[in-house]
C-alpha atoms as a PDB file:
ATOM      1  CA  UNK A   1      18.558 -16.330 -49.564  1.00  0.00           C
ATOM      2  CA  UNK A   2      20.187 -16.592 -46.117  1.00  0.00           C
ATOM      3  CA  UNK A   3      19.391 -19.431 -43.733  1.00  0.00           C
ATOM      4  CA  UNK A   4      17.033 -18.792 -40.842  1.00  0.00           C
ATOM      5  CA  UNK A   5      18.738 -17.961 -37.528  1.00  0.00           C
ATOM      6  CA  UNK A   6      19.394 -20.824 -35.125  1.00  0.00           C
ATOM      7  CA  UNK A   7      16.800 -20.520 -32.356  1.00  0.00           C
ATOM      8  CA  UNK A   8      18.429 -20.956 -28.942  1.00  0.00           C
ATOM      9  CA  UNK A   9      16.782 -21.911 -25.668  1.00  0.00           C
ATOM     10  CA  UNK A  10      19.041 -20.780 -22.819  1.00  0.00           C
ATOM     11  CA  UNK A  11      18.730 -22.980 -19.723  1.00  0.00           C
ATOM     12  CA  UNK A  12      20.078 -21.740 -16.384  1.00  0.00           C
ATOM     13  CA  UNK A  13      20.036 -17.960 -15.985  1.00  0.00           C
ATOM     14  CA  UNK A  14      22.920 -17.473 -13.581  1.00  0.00           C
ATOM     15  CA  UNK A  15      26.038 -15.328 -13.802  1.00  0.00           C
ATOM     16  CA  UNK A  16      27.703 -17.063 -16.752  1.00  0.00           C
ATOM     17  CA  UNK A  17      24.518 -16.976 -18.829  1.00  0.00           C
ATOM     18  CA  UNK A  18      24.017 -13.261 -18.241  1.00  0.00           C
ATOM     19  CA  UNK A  19      27.673 -12.218 -18.482  1.00  0.00           C
ATOM     20  CA  UNK A  20      28.638 -14.270 -21.529  1.00  0.00           C
ATOM     21  CA  UNK A  21      25.895 -16.244 -23.283  1.00  0.00           C
ATOM     22  CA  UNK A  22      23.299 -13.485 -23.639  1.00  0.00           C
ATOM     23  CA  UNK A  23      25.729 -10.946 -25.181  1.00  0.00           C
ATOM     24  CA  UNK A  24      27.233 -13.572 -27.507  1.00  0.00           C
ATOM     25  CA  UNK A  25      23.808 -14.663 -28.798  1.00  0.00           C
ATOM     26  CA  UNK A  26      22.616 -11.064 -29.201  1.00  0.00           C
ATOM     27  CA  UNK A  27      25.711 -10.108 -31.221  1.00  0.00           C
ATOM     28  CA  UNK A  28      25.384 -12.956 -33.757  1.00  0.00           C
ATOM     29  CA  UNK A  29      22.946 -12.413 -36.634  1.00  0.00           C
ATOM     30  CA  UNK A  30      22.832 -16.167 -37.179  1.00  0.00           C
ATOM     31  CA  UNK A  31      21.376 -16.774 -33.715  1.00  0.00           C
ATOM     32  CA  UNK A  32      18.251 -15.725 -31.888  1.00  0.00           C
ATOM     33  CA  UNK A  33      17.358 -16.106 -28.218  1.00  0.00           C
ATOM     34  CA  UNK A  34      13.993 -17.848 -28.520  1.00  0.00           C
ATOM     35  CA  UNK A  35      13.338 -18.787 -24.880  1.00  0.00           C
ATOM     36  CA  UNK A  36      14.927 -19.090 -21.446  1.00  0.00           C
ATOM     37  CA  UNK A  37      14.445 -21.448 -18.526  1.00  0.00           C
ATOM     38  CA  UNK A  38      15.338 -21.318 -14.858  1.00  0.00           C
ATOM     39  CA  UNK A  39      13.484 -22.554 -11.748  1.00  0.00           C
ATOM     40  CA  UNK A  40      14.393 -19.534  -9.645  1.00  0.00           C
ATOM     41  CA  UNK A  41      16.017 -16.791 -11.745  1.00  0.00           C
ATOM     42  CA  UNK A  42      14.151 -14.297 -13.931  1.00  0.00           C
ATOM     43  CA  UNK A  43      14.374 -14.393 -17.700  1.00  0.00           C
ATOM     44  CA  UNK A  44      14.943 -11.662 -20.286  1.00  0.00           C
ATOM     45  CA  UNK A  45      12.386  -8.981 -21.072  1.00  0.00           C
ATOM     46  CA  UNK A  46      10.445  -9.811 -24.216  1.00  0.00           C
ATOM     47  CA  UNK A  47      11.631 -13.449 -24.359  1.00  0.00           C
ATOM     48  CA  UNK A  48       9.386 -16.367 -23.253  1.00  0.00           C
ATOM     49  CA  UNK A  49      10.591 -17.729 -19.907  1.00  0.00           C
ATOM     50  CA  UNK A  50       9.783 -21.082 -18.286  1.00  0.00           C
ATOM     51  CA  UNK A  51      10.519 -22.642 -14.928  1.00  0.00           C
ATOM     52  CA  UNK A  52      11.486 -26.005 -16.433  1.00  0.00           C
ATOM     53  CA  UNK A  53      13.156 -27.270 -19.569  1.00  0.00           C
ATOM     54  CA  UNK A  54      10.196 -29.567 -20.183  1.00  0.00           C
ATOM     55  CA  UNK A  55       7.855 -26.558 -20.308  1.00  0.00           C
ATOM     56  CA  UNK A  56      10.220 -24.713 -22.635  1.00  0.00           C
ATOM     57  CA  UNK A  57      10.391 -27.660 -25.024  1.00  0.00           C
ATOM     58  CA  UNK A  58       6.619 -28.087 -24.977  1.00  0.00           C
ATOM     59  CA  UNK A  59       5.715 -24.437 -25.568  1.00  0.00           C
ATOM     60  CA  UNK A  60       8.614 -22.649 -27.274  1.00  0.00           C
ATOM     61  CA  UNK A  61      10.007 -23.092 -30.777  1.00  0.00           C
ATOM     62  CA  UNK A  62      13.723 -23.762 -30.433  1.00  0.00           C
ATOM     63  CA  UNK A  63      16.299 -25.585 -32.539  1.00  0.00           C
ATOM     64  CA  UNK A  64      18.884 -25.950 -29.795  1.00  0.00           C
ATOM     65  CA  UNK A  65      19.429 -25.507 -26.085  1.00  0.00           C
ATOM     66  CA  UNK A  66      22.467 -24.095 -24.323  1.00  0.00           C
ATOM     67  CA  UNK A  67      22.835 -25.574 -20.846  1.00  0.00           C
ATOM     68  CA  UNK A  68      24.299 -23.233 -18.226  1.00  0.00           C
ATOM     69  CA  UNK A  69      22.936 -25.058 -15.183  1.00  0.00           C
ATOM     70  CA  UNK A  70      25.294 -26.672 -12.665  1.00  0.00           C
ATOM     71  CA  UNK A  71      27.095 -29.801 -13.924  1.00  0.00           C
ATOM     72  CA  UNK A  72      25.355 -32.042 -11.385  1.00  0.00           C
ATOM     73  CA  UNK A  73      22.049 -31.703 -13.269  1.00  0.00           C
ATOM     74  CA  UNK A  74      23.374 -31.283 -16.789  1.00  0.00           C
ATOM     75  CA  UNK A  75      23.016 -34.906 -17.893  1.00  0.00           C
ATOM     76  CA  UNK A  76      19.274 -35.053 -17.268  1.00  0.00           C
ATOM     77  CA  UNK A  77      18.679 -31.732 -19.018  1.00  0.00           C
ATOM     78  CA  UNK A  78      20.805 -32.690 -22.008  1.00  0.00           C
ATOM     79  CA  UNK A  79      19.170 -36.111 -22.334  1.00  0.00           C
ATOM     80  CA  UNK A  80      15.731 -34.483 -22.251  1.00  0.00           C
ATOM     81  CA  UNK A  81      16.676 -32.007 -24.986  1.00  0.00           C
ATOM     82  CA  UNK A  82      18.244 -34.709 -27.157  1.00  0.00           C
ATOM     83  CA  UNK A  83      15.133 -36.865 -26.806  1.00  0.00           C
ATOM     84  CA  UNK A  84      13.142 -33.890 -28.096  1.00  0.00           C
ATOM     85  CA  UNK A  85      15.397 -33.693 -31.155  1.00  0.00           C
ATOM     86  CA  UNK A  86      17.242 -30.541 -30.099  1.00  0.00           C
ATOM     87  CA  UNK A  87      20.916 -29.731 -30.587  1.00  0.00           C
ATOM     88  CA  UNK A  88      22.771 -29.229 -27.289  1.00  0.00           C
ATOM     89  CA  UNK A  89      25.497 -26.775 -26.258  1.00  0.00           C
ATOM     90  CA  UNK A  90      27.110 -27.811 -22.951  1.00  0.00           C
ATOM     91  CA  UNK A  91      28.809 -25.226 -20.743  1.00  0.00           C
ATOM     92  CA  UNK A  92      32.026 -26.439 -19.174  1.00  0.00           C
ATOM     93  CA  UNK A  93      32.490 -28.895 -17.603  1.00  0.00           C
ATOM     94  CA  UNK A  94      30.242 -30.928 -19.925  1.00  0.00           C
ATOM     95  CA  UNK A  95      28.854 -33.051 -17.075  1.00  0.00           C
ATOM     96  CA  UNK A  96      29.440 -34.290 -13.566  1.00  0.00           C
ATOM     97  CA  UNK A  97      31.251 -37.449 -14.734  1.00  0.00           C
ATOM     98  CA  UNK A  98      33.010 -38.781 -17.815  1.00  0.00           C
ATOM     99  CA  UNK A  99      30.494 -41.600 -18.151  1.00  0.00           C
ATOM    100  CA  UNK A 100      27.636 -39.086 -18.334  1.00  0.00           C
ATOM    101  CA  UNK A 101      29.327 -37.312 -21.228  1.00  0.00           C
ATOM    102  CA  UNK A 102      29.966 -40.591 -23.053  1.00  0.00           C
ATOM    103  CA  UNK A 103      26.299 -41.516 -22.633  1.00  0.00           C
ATOM    104  CA  UNK A 104      25.182 -38.128 -23.981  1.00  0.00           C
ATOM    105  CA  UNK A 105      27.472 -38.476 -26.990  1.00  0.00           C
ATOM    106  CA  UNK A 106      25.884 -41.845 -27.786  1.00  0.00           C
ATOM    107  CA  UNK A 107      22.372 -40.429 -27.361  1.00  0.00           C
ATOM    108  CA  UNK A 108      23.125 -37.474 -29.639  1.00  0.00           C
ATOM    109  CA  UNK A 109      24.594 -39.758 -32.270  1.00  0.00           C
ATOM    110  CA  UNK A 110      21.561 -42.025 -32.222  1.00  0.00           C
ATOM    111  CA  UNK A 111      19.185 -39.032 -32.410  1.00  0.00           C
ATOM    112  CA  UNK A 112      21.101 -37.323 -35.199  1.00  0.00           C
ATOM    113  CA  UNK A 113      21.596 -34.062 -33.314  1.00  0.00           C
ATOM    114  CA  UNK A 114      24.681 -32.005 -32.503  1.00  0.00           C
ATOM    115  CA  UNK A 115      26.347 -32.196 -29.091  1.00  0.00           C
ATOM    116  CA  UNK A 116      28.993 -29.573 -28.330  1.00  0.00           C
ATOM    117  CA  UNK A 117      31.204 -29.781 -25.237  1.00  0.00           C
ATOM    118  CA  UNK A 118      32.413 -26.187 -25.083  1.00  0.00           C
ATOM    119  CA  UNK A 119      35.747 -24.961 -23.709  1.00  0.00           C
ATOM    120  CA  UNK A 120      35.611 -21.176 -23.804  1.00  0.00           C
ATOM    121  CA  UNK A 121      39.256 -20.573 -22.899  1.00  0.00           C
ATOM    122  CA  UNK A 122      40.363 -22.345 -26.082  1.00  0.00           C
ATOM    123  CA  UNK A 123      38.875 -19.404 -27.942  1.00  0.00           C
ATOM    124  CA  UNK A 124      41.032 -16.828 -26.165  1.00  0.00           C
ATOM    125  CA  UNK A 125      42.969 -14.740 -28.659  1.00  0.00           C
ATOM    126  CA  UNK A 126      46.411 -16.183 -27.949  1.00  0.00           C
ATOM    127  CA  UNK A 127      45.590 -19.891 -27.987  1.00  0.00           C
ATOM    128  CA  UNK A 128      45.749 -20.665 -31.710  1.00  0.00           C
ATOM    129  CA  UNK A 129      48.903 -18.562 -32.224  1.00  0.00           C
ATOM    130  CA  UNK A 130      50.463 -20.462 -29.309  1.00  0.00           C
ATOM    131  CA  UNK A 131      49.508 -23.817 -30.805  1.00  0.00           C
ATOM    132  CA  UNK A 132      51.030 -22.849 -34.146  1.00  0.00           C
ATOM    133  CA  UNK A 133      54.232 -21.472 -32.572  1.00  0.00           C
ATOM    134  CA  UNK A 134      54.812 -24.593 -30.452  1.00  0.00           C
ATOM    135  CA  UNK A 135      54.201 -27.017 -33.326  1.00  0.00           C
ATOM    136  CA  UNK A 136      57.763 -26.762 -34.637  1.00  0.00           C
ATOM    137  CA  UNK A 137      59.579 -26.470 -31.306  1.00  0.00           C
ATOM    138  CA  UNK A 138      61.211 -28.929 -28.922  1.00  0.00           C
ATOM    139  CA  UNK A 139      59.387 -28.446 -25.631  1.00  0.00           C
ATOM    140  CA  UNK A 140      61.492 -28.475 -22.480  1.00  0.00           C
ATOM    141  CA  UNK A 141      58.762 -27.973 -19.896  1.00  0.00           C
ATOM    142  CA  UNK A 142      55.738 -25.938 -18.928  1.00  0.00           C
ATOM    143  CA  UNK A 143      53.963 -24.370 -15.972  1.00  0.00           C
ATOM    144  CA  UNK A 144      50.421 -23.260 -15.233  1.00  0.00           C
ATOM    145  CA  UNK A 145      49.639 -20.787 -12.436  1.00  0.00           C
ATOM    146  CA  UNK A 146      45.870 -20.247 -12.140  1.00  0.00           C
ATOM    147  CA  UNK A 147      44.877 -18.401  -8.976  1.00  0.00           C
ATOM    148  CA  UNK A 148      41.711 -16.454  -8.362  1.00  0.00           C
ATOM    149  CA  UNK A 149      39.263 -15.333  -5.696  1.00  0.00           C
ATOM    150  CA  UNK A 150      36.306 -17.713  -5.407  1.00  0.00           C
ATOM    151  CA  UNK A 151      34.347 -15.137  -3.418  1.00  0.00           C
ATOM    152  CA  UNK A 152      34.447 -12.784  -6.391  1.00  0.00           C
ATOM    153  CA  UNK A 153      33.677 -15.273  -9.175  1.00  0.00           C
ATOM    154  CA  UNK A 154      31.280 -17.645  -7.380  1.00  0.00           C
ATOM    155  CA  UNK A 155      29.669 -15.707  -4.518  1.00  0.00           C
ATOM    156  CA  UNK A 156      27.429 -17.948  -2.421  1.00  0.00           C
ATOM    157  CA  UNK A 157      27.334 -20.753  -5.016  1.00  0.00           C
ATOM    158  CA  UNK A 158      27.091 -23.927  -2.966  1.00  0.00           C
ATOM    159  CA  UNK A 159      27.099 -26.332  -5.932  1.00  0.00           C
ATOM    160  CA  UNK A 160      30.782 -25.744  -6.720  1.00  0.00           C
ATOM    161  CA  UNK A 161      31.747 -27.192  -3.330  1.00  0.00           C
ATOM    162  CA  UNK A 162      29.598 -30.293  -3.695  1.00  0.00           C
ATOM    163  CA  UNK A 163      30.480 -33.623  -5.313  1.00  0.00           C
ATOM    164  CA  UNK A 164      30.572 -33.052  -9.061  1.00  0.00           C
ATOM    165  CA  UNK A 165      31.081 -29.307  -8.663  1.00  0.00           C
ATOM    166  CA  UNK A 166      34.881 -29.620  -9.123  1.00  0.00           C
ATOM    167  CA  UNK A 167      35.924 -26.949  -6.623  1.00  0.00           C
ATOM    168  CA  UNK A 168      39.063 -25.136  -7.805  1.00  0.00           C
ATOM    169  CA  UNK A 169      39.035 -27.259 -10.952  1.00  0.00           C
ATOM    170  CA  UNK A 170      36.000 -25.259 -12.111  1.00  0.00           C
ATOM    171  CA  UNK A 171      38.418 -22.496 -13.192  1.00  0.00           C
ATOM    172  CA  UNK A 172      41.373 -24.889 -13.421  1.00  0.00           C
ATOM    173  CA  UNK A 173      39.733 -26.838 -16.216  1.00  0.00           C
ATOM    174  CA  UNK A 174      39.980 -23.659 -18.301  1.00  0.00           C
ATOM    175  CA  UNK A 175      43.754 -23.820 -18.047  1.00  0.00           C
ATOM    176  CA  UNK A 176      43.696 -27.519 -18.889  1.00  0.00           C
ATOM    177  CA  UNK A 177      41.533 -26.820 -21.928  1.00  0.00           C
ATOM    178  CA  UNK A 178      44.257 -24.478 -23.190  1.00  0.00           C
ATOM    179  CA  UNK A 179      47.109 -26.834 -22.293  1.00  0.00           C
ATOM    180  CA  UNK A 180      45.530 -29.787 -24.081  1.00  0.00           C
ATOM    181  CA  UNK A 181      44.995 -27.606 -27.145  1.00  0.00           C
ATOM    182  CA  UNK A 182      48.482 -26.105 -27.482  1.00  0.00           C
ATOM    183  CA  UNK A 183      50.682 -28.980 -26.243  1.00  0.00           C
ATOM    184  CA  UNK A 184      51.757 -31.032 -29.292  1.00  0.00           C
ATOM    185  CA  UNK A 185      51.397 -34.406 -27.553  1.00  0.00           C
ATOM    186  CA  UNK A 186      48.751 -35.852 -25.199  1.00  0.00           C
ATOM    187  CA  UNK A 187      49.280 -35.065 -21.518  1.00  0.00           C
ATOM    188  CA  UNK A 188      48.643 -37.449 -18.634  1.00  0.00           C
ATOM    189  CA  UNK A 189      48.564 -36.970 -14.887  1.00  0.00           C
ATOM    190  CA  UNK A 190      51.603 -38.142 -12.956  1.00  0.00           C
ATOM    191  CA  UNK A 191      50.753 -36.833  -9.481  1.00  0.00           C
ATOM    192  CA  UNK A 192      48.456 -34.421  -7.665  1.00  0.00           C
ATOM    193  CA  UNK A 193      47.804 -32.979  -4.220  1.00  0.00           C
ATOM    194  CA  UNK A 194      44.286 -31.709  -3.540  1.00  0.00           C
ATOM    195  CA  UNK A 195      43.662 -29.318  -0.631  1.00  0.00           C
ATOM    196  CA  UNK A 196      40.122 -29.660   0.747  1.00  0.00           C
ATOM    197  CA  UNK A 197      38.717 -27.258   3.356  1.00  0.00           C
ATOM    198  CA  UNK A 198      37.556 -29.074   6.476  1.00  0.00           C
ATOM    199  CA  UNK A 199      33.938 -28.085   5.745  1.00  0.00           C
ATOM    200  CA  UNK A 200      33.856 -28.700   1.972  1.00  0.00           C
ATOM    201  CA  UNK A 201      33.679 -31.713  -0.350  1.00  0.00           C
ATOM    202  CA  UNK A 202      35.752 -30.194  -3.180  1.00  0.00           C
ATOM    203  CA  UNK A 203      39.284 -28.760  -3.257  1.00  0.00           C
ATOM    204  CA  UNK A 204      40.130 -25.103  -2.803  1.00  0.00           C
ATOM    205  CA  UNK A 205      43.674 -25.592  -4.136  1.00  0.00           C
ATOM    206  CA  UNK A 206      45.654 -28.209  -6.049  1.00  0.00           C
ATOM    207  CA  UNK A 207      49.152 -28.937  -7.320  1.00  0.00           C
ATOM    208  CA  UNK A 208      49.536 -31.208 -10.347  1.00  0.00           C
ATOM    209  CA  UNK A 209      52.344 -32.670 -12.389  1.00  0.00           C
ATOM    210  CA  UNK A 210      51.461 -33.654 -15.941  1.00  0.00           C
ATOM    211  CA  UNK A 211      53.734 -35.357 -18.456  1.00  0.00           C
ATOM    212  CA  UNK A 212      53.629 -36.363 -22.095  1.00  0.00           C
ATOM    213  CA  UNK A 213      54.961 -39.556 -23.703  1.00  0.00           C
ATOM    214  CA  UNK A 214      58.463 -38.084 -23.967  1.00  0.00           C
ATOM    215  CA  UNK A 215      58.563 -37.396 -20.211  1.00  0.00           C
ATOM    216  CA  UNK A 216      58.354 -33.622 -20.623  1.00  0.00           C
ATOM    217  CA  UNK A 217      56.548 -32.096 -17.638  1.00  0.00           C
ATOM    218  CA  UNK A 218      53.863 -29.460 -17.217  1.00  0.00           C
ATOM    219  CA  UNK A 219      53.264 -28.421 -13.595  1.00  0.00           C
ATOM    220  CA  UNK A 220      50.086 -26.763 -12.388  1.00  0.00           C
ATOM    221  CA  UNK A 221      49.395 -24.519  -9.389  1.00  0.00           C
ATOM    222  CA  UNK A 222      45.704 -23.877  -8.677  1.00  0.00           C
ATOM    223  CA  UNK A 223      44.367 -21.766  -5.819  1.00  0.00           C
ATOM    224  CA  UNK A 224      41.000 -20.181  -5.116  1.00  0.00           C
ATOM    225  CA  UNK A 225      42.183 -18.026  -2.209  1.00  0.00           C
ATOM    226  CA  UNK A 226      43.942 -15.263  -4.130  1.00  0.00           C
ATOM    227  CA  UNK A 227      42.751 -11.706  -3.599  1.00  0.00           C
ATOM    228  CA  UNK A 228      43.650  -8.618  -5.574  1.00  0.00           C
ATOM    229  CA  UNK A 229      45.053  -9.200  -9.054  1.00  0.00           C
ATOM    230  CA  UNK A 230      44.015 -12.559 -10.459  1.00  0.00           C
ATOM    231  CA  UNK A 231      46.576 -14.871 -12.078  1.00  0.00           C
ATOM    232  CA  UNK A 232      45.839 -16.903 -15.206  1.00  0.00           C
ATOM    233  CA  UNK A 233      49.222 -17.710 -16.742  1.00  0.00           C
ATOM    234  CA  UNK A 234      50.742 -20.525 -18.801  1.00  0.00           C
ATOM    235  CA  UNK A 235      54.413 -20.631 -19.763  1.00  0.00           C
ATOM    236  CA  UNK A 236      56.198 -23.150 -21.979  1.00  0.00           C
ATOM    237  CA  UNK A 237      59.996 -23.396 -22.301  1.00  0.00           C
ATOM    238  CA  UNK A 238      61.224 -24.492 -25.734  1.00  0.00           C
ATOM    239  CA  UNK A 239      64.431 -24.687 -27.721  1.00  0.00           C
ATOM    240  CA  UNK A 240      63.292 -21.465 -29.389  1.00  0.00           C
ATOM    241  CA  UNK A 241      62.676 -19.527 -26.194  1.00  0.00           C
ATOM    242  CA  UNK A 242      59.731 -19.121 -23.859  1.00  0.00           C
ATOM    243  CA  UNK A 243      56.068 -18.868 -24.806  1.00  0.00           C
ATOM    244  CA  UNK A 244      53.799 -17.071 -22.329  1.00  0.00           C
ATOM    245  CA  UNK A 245      50.024 -16.957 -22.364  1.00  0.00           C
ATOM    246  CA  UNK A 246      48.689 -14.533 -19.757  1.00  0.00           C
ATOM    247  CA  UNK A 247      45.323 -13.064 -18.804  1.00  0.00           C
ATOM    248  CA  UNK A 248      43.669 -16.428 -19.400  1.00  0.00           C
ATOM    249  CA  UNK A 249      45.150 -16.818 -22.875  1.00  0.00           C
ATOM    250  CA  UNK A 250      44.326 -13.316 -24.125  1.00  0.00           C
ATOM    251  CA  UNK A 251      47.956 -12.142 -24.240  1.00  0.00           C
ATOM    252  CA  UNK A 252      50.439 -14.096 -26.377  1.00  0.00           C
ATOM    253  CA  UNK A 253      54.167 -13.467 -25.850  1.00  0.00           C
ATOM    254  CA  UNK A 254      57.151 -15.126 -27.567  1.00  0.00           C
ATOM    255  CA  UNK A 255      60.666 -13.782 -28.127  1.00  0.00           C
ATOM    256  CA  UNK A 256      60.340 -10.530 -30.035  1.00  0.00           C
ATOM    257  CA  UNK A 257      56.525 -10.430 -30.112  1.00  0.00           C
ATOM    258  CA  UNK A 258      53.572  -9.686 -27.848  1.00  0.00           C
ATOM    259  CA  UNK A 259      49.964  -9.742 -29.034  1.00  0.00           C
ATOM    260  CA  UNK A 260      46.770  -8.846 -27.201  1.00  0.00           C
ATOM    261  CA  UNK A 261      43.786  -9.179 -29.513  1.00  0.00           C
ATOM    262  CA  UNK A 262      40.076  -8.723 -28.858  1.00  0.00           C
ATOM    263  CA  UNK A 263      38.377 -11.162 -26.461  1.00  0.00           C
ATOM    264  CA  UNK A 264      36.006 -13.263 -28.565  1.00  0.00           C
ATOM    265  CA  UNK A 265      35.688 -16.413 -26.466  1.00  0.00           C
ATOM    266  CA  UNK A 266      31.919 -16.866 -26.301  1.00  0.00           C
ATOM    267  CA  UNK A 267      31.208 -15.479 -29.778  1.00  0.00           C
ATOM    268  CA  UNK A 268      33.757 -18.037 -30.983  1.00  0.00           C
ATOM    269  CA  UNK A 269      31.979 -20.834 -29.119  1.00  0.00           C
ATOM    270  CA  UNK A 270      28.619 -19.969 -30.638  1.00  0.00           C
ATOM    271  CA  UNK A 271      30.122 -19.657 -34.107  1.00  0.00           C
ATOM    272  CA  UNK A 272      31.590 -23.145 -33.693  1.00  0.00           C
ATOM    273  CA  UNK A 273      28.260 -24.497 -32.433  1.00  0.00           C
ATOM    274  CA  UNK A 274      26.404 -23.076 -35.434  1.00  0.00           C
ATOM    275  CA  UNK A 275      28.992 -24.607 -37.780  1.00  0.00           C
ATOM    276  CA  UNK A 276      28.567 -28.008 -36.145  1.00  0.00           C
ATOM    277  CA  UNK A 277      24.787 -27.827 -36.413  1.00  0.00           C
ATOM    278  CA  UNK A 278      25.009 -26.855 -40.082  1.00  0.00           C
ATOM    279  CA  UNK A 279      27.463 -29.701 -40.787  1.00  0.00           C
ATOM    280  CA  UNK A 280      25.413 -32.230 -38.796  1.00  0.00           C
ATOM    281  CA  UNK A 281      28.345 -33.211 -36.585  1.00  0.00           C
ATOM    282  CA  UNK A 282      29.348 -33.057 -32.900  1.00  0.00           C
ATOM    283  CA  UNK A 283      32.428 -31.952 -30.972  1.00  0.00           C
ATOM    284  CA  UNK A 284      32.826 -33.709 -27.617  1.00  0.00           C
ATOM    285  CA  UNK A 285      36.482 -33.383 -26.630  1.00  0.00           C
ATOM    286  CA  UNK A 286      36.886 -34.613 -23.050  1.00  0.00           C
ATOM    287  CA  UNK A 287      40.679 -34.247 -22.723  1.00  0.00           C
ATOM    288  CA  UNK A 288      40.543 -31.422 -20.114  1.00  0.00           C
ATOM    289  CA  UNK A 289      37.822 -33.205 -18.127  1.00  0.00           C
ATOM    290  CA  UNK A 290      39.730 -36.484 -18.194  1.00  0.00           C
ATOM    291  CA  UNK A 291      42.761 -34.849 -16.553  1.00  0.00           C
ATOM    292  CA  UNK A 292      40.543 -33.448 -13.787  1.00  0.00           C
ATOM    293  CA  UNK A 293      39.009 -36.880 -13.236  1.00  0.00           C
ATOM    294  CA  UNK A 294      42.502 -38.382 -13.037  1.00  0.00           C
ATOM    295  CA  UNK A 295      43.479 -35.794 -10.416  1.00  0.00           C
ATOM    296  CA  UNK A 296      40.530 -36.827  -8.243  1.00  0.00           C
ATOM    297  CA  UNK A 297      41.288 -40.506  -8.852  1.00  0.00           C
ATOM    298  CA  UNK A 298      45.015 -40.409  -8.183  1.00  0.00           C
ATOM    299  CA  UNK A 299      45.551 -37.257  -6.160  1.00  0.00           C
ATOM    300  CA  UNK A 300      46.551 -37.225  -2.507  1.00  0.00           C
ATOM    301  CA  UNK A 301      44.154 -35.296  -0.306  1.00  0.00           C
ATOM    302  CA  UNK A 302      45.050 -32.931   2.529  1.00  0.00           C
ATOM    303  CA  UNK A 303      42.671 -31.105   4.846  1.00  0.00           C
ATOM    304  CA  UNK A 304      43.099 -27.337   5.181  1.00  0.00           C
ATOM    305  CA  UNK A 305      41.361 -24.594   7.131  1.00  0.00           C
ATOM    306  CA  UNK A 306      37.571 -24.427   6.791  1.00  0.00           C
ATOM    307  CA  UNK A 307      36.307 -21.983   4.171  1.00  0.00           C
ATOM    308  CA  UNK A 308      33.385 -19.619   4.683  1.00  0.00           C
ATOM    309  CA  UNK A 309      31.811 -17.486   1.954  1.00  0.00           C
END
């Protein structure tokens, strides 16, 4: 007899919830959307909807909550769900600060529930093949170029420009989640320049230099002002030739081979979450978030032209 589906309460009904979470939940027979919550956005037809998480927890039967609200409020929501004995799926970034995430991990451990800090780009089709291919190579250097149009992906979203919203590191952390997965050794920040619009509290562009313990460098070029074709590329030079991950990790290219498999990022995240819940364990990898925090801590800041939506 098969196990009952994991009942999910989806909190925060913005673009990412509707574009990615709802289809991923609907496509998985082991999951069911049991309720939604959002103070201002509508829910889903036929599914109980509540204005607050507290109301959802009091009135709906859920096993877990997936938090898609802005990172500035994620700690309070997660702590509330954990206190109610619910498993918690955190959209990226997992919080507004590293200390928040550490506190949530401790709370989840004490409550005996699963906490999952999700990194969707790690589930792009080319990431695991890239990790395997690099494992036996001598790495000579790497480069990330991650440029996109903020007006297209985050139209009118004020929270991304506020403290804790990360600015251009909101997409940039996706690249870092891939880099920290495929690079054979831990990376640390050597230097950074953050470009902040005169009217914003978070950067619109950034240049980073990362290194590992051997001194091998990975450089990073982030920009939110690109129009037209978007750029999400990672290249790694090795003694066996060049590895390229393009289209956000979907396309894997090495000498003599190119692969472009089906995009299964969010289905992969939910499959991992269900596995963690079944095993009674958590997965709270903060490596990508730690590099972003280091960039804000150590990076030089420059003021650039004001940005208007």
